[in-house]
Amino acid sequence: MENDQVFLEYVVKALVDEPNAVKVNRKVDEMGVLMTLDVATQDMGKIIGRSGNTAKAIRTLLRVVGMKNNARVNLKINEPEGSTRFAENNNNVSAASSDDVDQAIEELKA
């Protein structure tokens, strides 16, 4: 398992009520690394967070971890089977902007 995958599993399992349901898949292609996350339906809100802030923070941290390895890391959070609650809100959760990542990196350098 790669460092970014271990990191993501550790963070997510610390946030959820059902850590055994957490599954992380990692794919590498010409665009970079794509991490795909599956969690239990009742834990989805904990991972997304209010206004998507938790998901944005996780994505930002993953990108910083990826930069250490010269890789662009993206996170896709899969909607659980049979879920209806997050169907409308799923489009509101976007990846952290490059400005957010740049700012985080500058703060780390300071």
N, C-alpha and C. Protein backbone atom coordinates (compact mmCIF):
# COMPACT_ATOMS: atom_id res chain seq x y z
N MET A 1 0.84 -1.19 0.00
CA MET A 1 0.00 0.00 0.00
C MET A 1 0.88 1.25 0.00
N GLU A 2 0.49 2.24 -0.75
CA GLU A 2 1.25 3.49 -0.85
C GLU A 2 0.95 4.39 0.34
N ASN A 3 1.86 5.35 0.59
CA ASN A 3 1.71 6.27 1.72
C ASN A 3 0.41 7.05 1.68
N ASP A 4 0.02 7.53 0.49
CA ASP A 4 -1.21 8.32 0.40
C ASP A 4 -2.45 7.48 0.72
N GLN A 5 -2.44 6.22 0.33
CA GLN A 5 -3.57 5.34 0.62
C GLN A 5 -3.64 5.03 2.12
N VAL A 6 -2.49 4.77 2.73
CA VAL A 6 -2.43 4.52 4.17
C VAL A 6 -2.92 5.75 4.94
N PHE A 7 -2.47 6.92 4.51
CA PHE A 7 -2.87 8.18 5.15
C PHE A 7 -4.38 8.38 5.07
N LEU A 8 -4.95 8.19 3.87
CA LEU A 8 -6.40 8.38 3.70
C LEU A 8 -7.19 7.41 4.57
N GLU A 9 -6.80 6.15 4.57
CA GLU A 9 -7.51 5.17 5.40
C GLU A 9 -7.43 5.55 6.88
N TYR A 10 -6.27 5.97 7.33
CA TYR A 10 -6.10 6.34 8.74
C TYR A 10 -7.02 7.50 9.12
N VAL A 11 -7.03 8.54 8.30
CA VAL A 11 -7.84 9.73 8.60
C VAL A 11 -9.32 9.39 8.58
N VAL A 12 -9.77 8.69 7.55
CA VAL A 12 -11.19 8.39 7.41
C VAL A 12 -11.66 7.46 8.52
N LYS A 13 -10.88 6.44 8.82
CA LYS A 13 -11.28 5.50 9.87
C LYS A 13 -11.37 6.19 11.23
N ALA A 14 -10.59 7.24 11.45
CA ALA A 14 -10.66 7.99 12.70
C ALA A 14 -11.93 8.84 12.78
N LEU A 15 -12.54 9.15 11.64
CA LEU A 15 -13.72 10.01 11.60
C LEU A 15 -15.05 9.27 11.65
N VAL A 16 -15.06 8.03 11.21
CA VAL A 16 -16.34 7.32 11.04
C VAL A 16 -16.68 6.43 12.22
N ASP A 17 -17.97 6.01 12.28
CA ASP A 17 -18.43 5.07 13.31
C ASP A 17 -18.17 3.63 12.92
N GLU A 18 -18.12 3.35 11.62
CA GLU A 18 -17.89 1.99 11.14
C GLU A 18 -16.60 1.92 10.32
N PRO A 19 -15.45 1.87 11.00
CA PRO A 19 -14.17 1.85 10.28
C PRO A 19 -13.98 0.61 9.40
N ASN A 20 -14.64 -0.50 9.74
CA ASN A 20 -14.49 -1.72 8.94
C ASN A 20 -15.15 -1.59 7.57
N ALA A 21 -16.04 -0.62 7.41
CA ALA A 21 -16.72 -0.41 6.13
C ALA A 21 -15.92 0.48 5.18
N VAL A 22 -14.83 1.06 5.66
CA VAL A 22 -14.02 1.98 4.85
C VAL A 22 -13.21 1.18 3.83
N LYS A 23 -13.34 1.57 2.56
CA LYS A 23 -12.57 0.94 1.50
C LYS A 23 -11.95 2.04 0.63
N VAL A 24 -10.66 1.90 0.38
CA VAL A 24 -9.96 2.87 -0.45
C VAL A 24 -9.32 2.13 -1.62
N ASN A 25 -9.61 2.59 -2.83
CA ASN A 25 -8.96 2.06 -4.03
C ASN A 25 -8.06 3.15 -4.59
N ARG A 26 -6.94 2.72 -5.14
CA ARG A 26 -5.96 3.67 -5.67
C ARG A 26 -5.64 3.29 -7.11
N LYS A 27 -5.79 4.27 -8.03
CA LYS A 27 -5.46 4.06 -9.44
C LYS A 27 -4.49 5.15 -9.88
N VAL A 28 -3.53 4.75 -10.67
CA VAL A 28 -2.57 5.71 -11.23
C VAL A 28 -2.73 5.71 -12.74
N ASP A 29 -2.86 6.91 -13.31
CA ASP A 29 -2.91 7.03 -14.76
C ASP A 29 -2.15 8.30 -15.17
N GLU A 30 -2.31 8.70 -16.42
CA GLU A 30 -1.57 9.87 -16.90
C GLU A 30 -1.98 11.17 -16.21
N MET A 31 -3.17 11.19 -15.60
CA MET A 31 -3.64 12.38 -14.90
C MET A 31 -3.10 12.46 -13.47
N GLY A 32 -2.59 11.37 -12.95
CA GLY A 32 -2.08 11.34 -11.57
C GLY A 32 -2.67 10.17 -10.81
N VAL A 33 -2.90 10.37 -9.53
CA VAL A 33 -3.43 9.32 -8.66
C VAL A 33 -4.89 9.64 -8.34
N LEU A 34 -5.75 8.65 -8.51
CA LEU A 34 -7.15 8.80 -8.14
C LEU A 34 -7.44 7.85 -6.99
N MET A 35 -7.82 8.43 -5.85
CA MET A 35 -8.20 7.66 -4.69
C MET A 35 -9.73 7.63 -4.67
N THR A 36 -10.30 6.44 -4.57
CA THR A 36 -11.75 6.28 -4.52
C THR A 36 -12.11 5.76 -3.14
N LEU A 37 -13.02 6.46 -2.46
CA LEU A 37 -13.37 6.16 -1.08
C LEU A 37 -14.81 5.67 -0.98
N ASP A 38 -14.99 4.57 -0.26
CA ASP A 38 -16.32 4.04 0.07
C ASP A 38 -16.44 3.97 1.58
N VAL A 39 -17.57 4.48 2.12
CA VAL A 39 -17.85 4.40 3.55
C VAL A 39 -19.29 3.94 3.73
N ALA A 40 -19.63 3.57 4.97
CA ALA A 40 -21.00 3.17 5.29
C ALA A 40 -21.93 4.36 5.06
N THR A 41 -23.17 4.08 4.69
CA THR A 41 -24.15 5.14 4.40
C THR A 41 -24.27 6.13 5.55
N GLN A 42 -24.35 5.64 6.79
CA GLN A 42 -24.54 6.54 7.93
C GLN A 42 -23.30 7.37 8.24
N ASP A 43 -22.15 7.02 7.67
CA ASP A 43 -20.92 7.78 7.90
C ASP A 43 -20.65 8.83 6.83
N MET A 44 -21.47 8.84 5.80
CA MET A 44 -21.24 9.76 4.68
C MET A 44 -21.21 11.22 5.13
N GLY A 45 -22.12 11.60 6.00
CA GLY A 45 -22.16 12.98 6.48
C GLY A 45 -20.90 13.38 7.23
N LYS A 46 -20.30 12.44 7.94
CA LYS A 46 -19.08 12.74 8.68
C LYS A 46 -17.91 13.00 7.74
N ILE A 47 -17.91 12.31 6.62
CA ILE A 47 -16.82 12.48 5.65
C ILE A 47 -17.02 13.74 4.81
N ILE A 48 -18.25 14.03 4.45
CA ILE A 48 -18.54 15.23 3.65
C ILE A 48 -18.39 16.48 4.52
N GLY A 49 -18.98 16.46 5.71
CA GLY A 49 -18.91 17.62 6.60
C GLY A 49 -19.89 18.70 6.19
N ARG A 50 -20.04 19.68 7.06
CA ARG A 50 -20.94 20.80 6.78
C ARG A 50 -20.41 21.59 5.60
N SER A 51 -21.26 21.79 4.61
CA SER A 51 -20.91 22.50 3.36
C SER A 51 -19.73 21.86 2.64
N GLY A 52 -19.48 20.59 2.90
CA GLY A 52 -18.39 19.90 2.22
C GLY A 52 -17.01 20.21 2.76
N ASN A 53 -16.95 20.88 3.91
CA ASN A 53 -15.65 21.32 4.42
C ASN A 53 -14.72 20.19 4.81
N THR A 54 -15.24 19.10 5.38
CA THR A 54 -14.38 17.98 5.75
C THR A 54 -13.79 17.33 4.51
N ALA A 55 -14.62 17.11 3.50
CA ALA A 55 -14.14 16.52 2.25
C ALA A 55 -13.09 17.41 1.60
N LYS A 56 -13.30 18.72 1.61
CA LYS A 56 -12.32 19.65 1.04
C LYS A 56 -11.00 19.57 1.79
N ALA A 57 -11.08 19.50 3.12
CA ALA A 57 -9.86 19.42 3.93
C ALA A 57 -9.10 18.13 3.65
N ILE A 58 -9.81 17.01 3.54
CA ILE A 58 -9.17 15.73 3.24
C ILE A 58 -8.49 15.80 1.88
N ARG A 59 -9.19 16.38 0.91
CA ARG A 59 -8.61 16.50 -0.44
C ARG A 59 -7.35 17.37 -0.42
N THR A 60 -7.39 18.45 0.31
CA THR A 60 -6.22 19.33 0.39
C THR A 60 -5.04 18.60 1.02
N LEU A 61 -5.29 17.88 2.11
CA LEU A 61 -4.22 17.11 2.76
C LEU A 61 -3.66 16.05 1.82
N LEU A 62 -4.52 15.36 1.08
CA LEU A 62 -4.05 14.35 0.14
C LEU A 62 -3.18 14.96 -0.95
N ARG A 63 -3.54 16.13 -1.40
CA ARG A 63 -2.73 16.79 -2.43
C ARG A 63 -1.36 17.17 -1.89
N VAL A 64 -1.32 17.60 -0.64
CA VAL A 64 -0.04 17.95 -0.02
C VAL A 64 0.82 16.70 0.13
N VAL A 65 0.21 15.59 0.57
CA VAL A 65 0.93 14.32 0.68
C VAL A 65 1.44 13.90 -0.70
N GLY A 66 0.60 14.06 -1.71
CA GLY A 66 1.00 13.70 -3.07
C GLY A 66 2.15 14.54 -3.59
N MET A 67 2.15 15.81 -3.24
CA MET A 67 3.22 16.69 -3.71
C MET A 67 4.58 16.25 -3.18
N LYS A 68 4.58 15.67 -2.00
CA LYS A 68 5.82 15.16 -1.42
C LYS A 68 6.41 14.07 -2.33
N ASN A 69 5.52 13.35 -3.02
CA ASN A 69 5.94 12.28 -3.93
C ASN A 69 5.83 12.68 -5.40
N ASN A 70 5.72 13.99 -5.64
CA ASN A 70 5.60 14.52 -7.00
C ASN A 70 4.44 13.89 -7.77
N ALA A 71 3.31 13.73 -7.10
CA ALA A 71 2.13 13.15 -7.74
C ALA A 71 0.92 14.04 -7.47
N ARG A 72 0.03 14.12 -8.44
CA ARG A 72 -1.22 14.84 -8.24
C ARG A 72 -2.25 13.82 -7.76
N VAL A 73 -2.76 14.05 -6.55
CA VAL A 73 -3.70 13.10 -5.94
C VAL A 73 -5.09 13.73 -5.89
N ASN A 74 -6.07 13.00 -6.40
CA ASN A 74 -7.46 13.42 -6.36
C ASN A 74 -8.26 12.39 -5.59
N LEU A 75 -9.34 12.85 -4.96
CA LEU A 75 -10.20 11.97 -4.18
C LEU A 75 -11.61 11.99 -4.73
N LYS A 76 -12.14 10.80 -4.96
CA LYS A 76 -13.55 10.65 -5.35
C LYS A 76 -14.23 9.90 -4.21
N ILE A 77 -15.32 10.47 -3.70
CA ILE A 77 -16.09 9.83 -2.64
C ILE A 77 -17.32 9.21 -3.28
N ASN A 78 -17.38 7.89 -3.26
CA ASN A 78 -18.51 7.18 -3.86
C ASN A 78 -19.74 7.30 -2.98
N GLU A 79 -20.87 7.52 -3.63
CA GLU A 79 -22.13 7.54 -2.90
C GLU A 79 -22.51 6.11 -2.56
N PRO A 80 -22.90 5.85 -1.31
CA PRO A 80 -23.25 4.47 -0.92
C PRO A 80 -24.46 3.96 -1.69
N GLU A 81 -24.53 2.64 -1.84
CA GLU A 81 -25.67 2.00 -2.52
C GLU A 81 -26.97 2.36 -1.82
N GLY A 82 -27.98 2.72 -2.59
CA GLY A 82 -29.29 3.00 -2.04
C GLY A 82 -29.41 4.33 -1.33
N SER A 83 -28.39 5.15 -1.40
CA SER A 83 -28.40 6.43 -0.72
C SER A 83 -29.24 7.43 -1.50
N THR A 84 -30.10 8.16 -0.79
CA THR A 84 -30.88 9.22 -1.44
C THR A 84 -30.59 10.55 -0.79
N ARG A 85 -30.16 10.55 0.45
CA ARG A 85 -29.96 11.78 1.20
C ARG A 85 -28.93 12.69 0.57
N PHE A 86 -27.86 12.13 0.04
CA PHE A 86 -26.77 12.95 -0.47
C PHE A 86 -26.82 13.13 -1.98
N ALA A 87 -27.85 12.60 -2.63
CA ALA A 87 -27.92 12.66 -4.08
C ALA A 87 -27.93 14.10 -4.58
N GLU A 88 -28.73 14.99 -3.93
CA GLU A 88 -28.79 16.37 -4.39
C GLU A 88 -27.53 17.13 -4.00
N ASN A 89 -26.94 16.79 -2.86
CA ASN A 89 -25.80 17.55 -2.35
C ASN A 89 -24.47 17.10 -2.92
N ASN A 90 -24.44 15.96 -3.59
CA ASN A 90 -23.18 15.41 -4.06
C ASN A 90 -22.47 16.35 -5.02
N ASN A 91 -23.23 17.13 -5.80
CA ASN A 91 -22.61 18.05 -6.74
C ASN A 91 -22.03 19.28 -6.04
N ASN A 92 -22.43 19.54 -4.81
CA ASN A 92 -21.92 20.69 -4.09
C ASN A 92 -20.54 20.45 -3.49
N VAL A 93 -20.10 19.20 -3.46
CA VAL A 93 -18.80 18.88 -2.88
C VAL A 93 -17.80 18.86 -4.02
N SER A 94 -16.96 19.86 -4.05
CA SER A 94 -15.98 19.94 -5.13
C SER A 94 -14.57 19.80 -4.56
N ALA A 95 -13.67 19.51 -5.43
CA ALA A 95 -12.28 19.39 -5.01
C ALA A 95 -11.77 20.76 -4.58
N ALA A 96 -10.78 20.75 -3.71
CA ALA A 96 -10.19 22.01 -3.27
C ALA A 96 -9.59 22.71 -4.48
N SER A 97 -9.74 24.02 -4.55
CA SER A 97 -9.19 24.75 -5.68
C SER A 97 -7.68 24.77 -5.59
N SER A 98 -7.05 25.03 -6.72
CA SER A 98 -5.59 25.06 -6.72
C SER A 98 -5.08 26.21 -5.85
N ASP A 99 -5.88 27.28 -5.70
CA ASP A 99 -5.49 28.37 -4.81
C ASP A 99 -5.41 27.90 -3.37
N ASP A 100 -6.39 27.06 -2.95
CA ASP A 100 -6.38 26.52 -1.60
C ASP A 100 -5.14 25.66 -1.37
N VAL A 101 -4.80 24.84 -2.35
CA VAL A 101 -3.64 23.98 -2.24
C VAL A 101 -2.36 24.82 -2.20
N ASP A 102 -2.28 25.83 -3.08
CA ASP A 102 -1.11 26.70 -3.08
C ASP A 102 -0.94 27.41 -1.75
N GLN A 103 -2.05 27.89 -1.18
CA GLN A 103 -1.98 28.56 0.10
C GLN A 103 -1.52 27.61 1.20
N ALA A 104 -2.04 26.38 1.19
CA ALA A 104 -1.65 25.38 2.20
C ALA A 104 -0.16 25.07 2.10
N ILE A 105 0.33 24.98 0.88
CA ILE A 105 1.75 24.67 0.69
C ILE A 105 2.61 25.83 1.18
N GLU A 106 2.21 27.06 0.89
CA GLU A 106 2.97 28.22 1.36
C GLU A 106 3.00 28.26 2.89
N GLU A 107 1.88 27.91 3.52
CA GLU A 107 1.83 27.90 4.99
C GLU A 107 2.73 26.82 5.56
N LEU A 108 2.83 25.68 4.86
CA LEU A 108 3.71 24.61 5.31
C LEU A 108 5.18 25.00 5.21
N LYS A 109 5.51 25.78 4.19
CA LYS A 109 6.90 26.21 3.99
C LYS A 109 7.33 27.23 5.03
N ALA A 110 6.35 27.99 5.55
CA ALA A 110 6.68 29.06 6.50
C ALA A 110 7.15 28.53 7.83
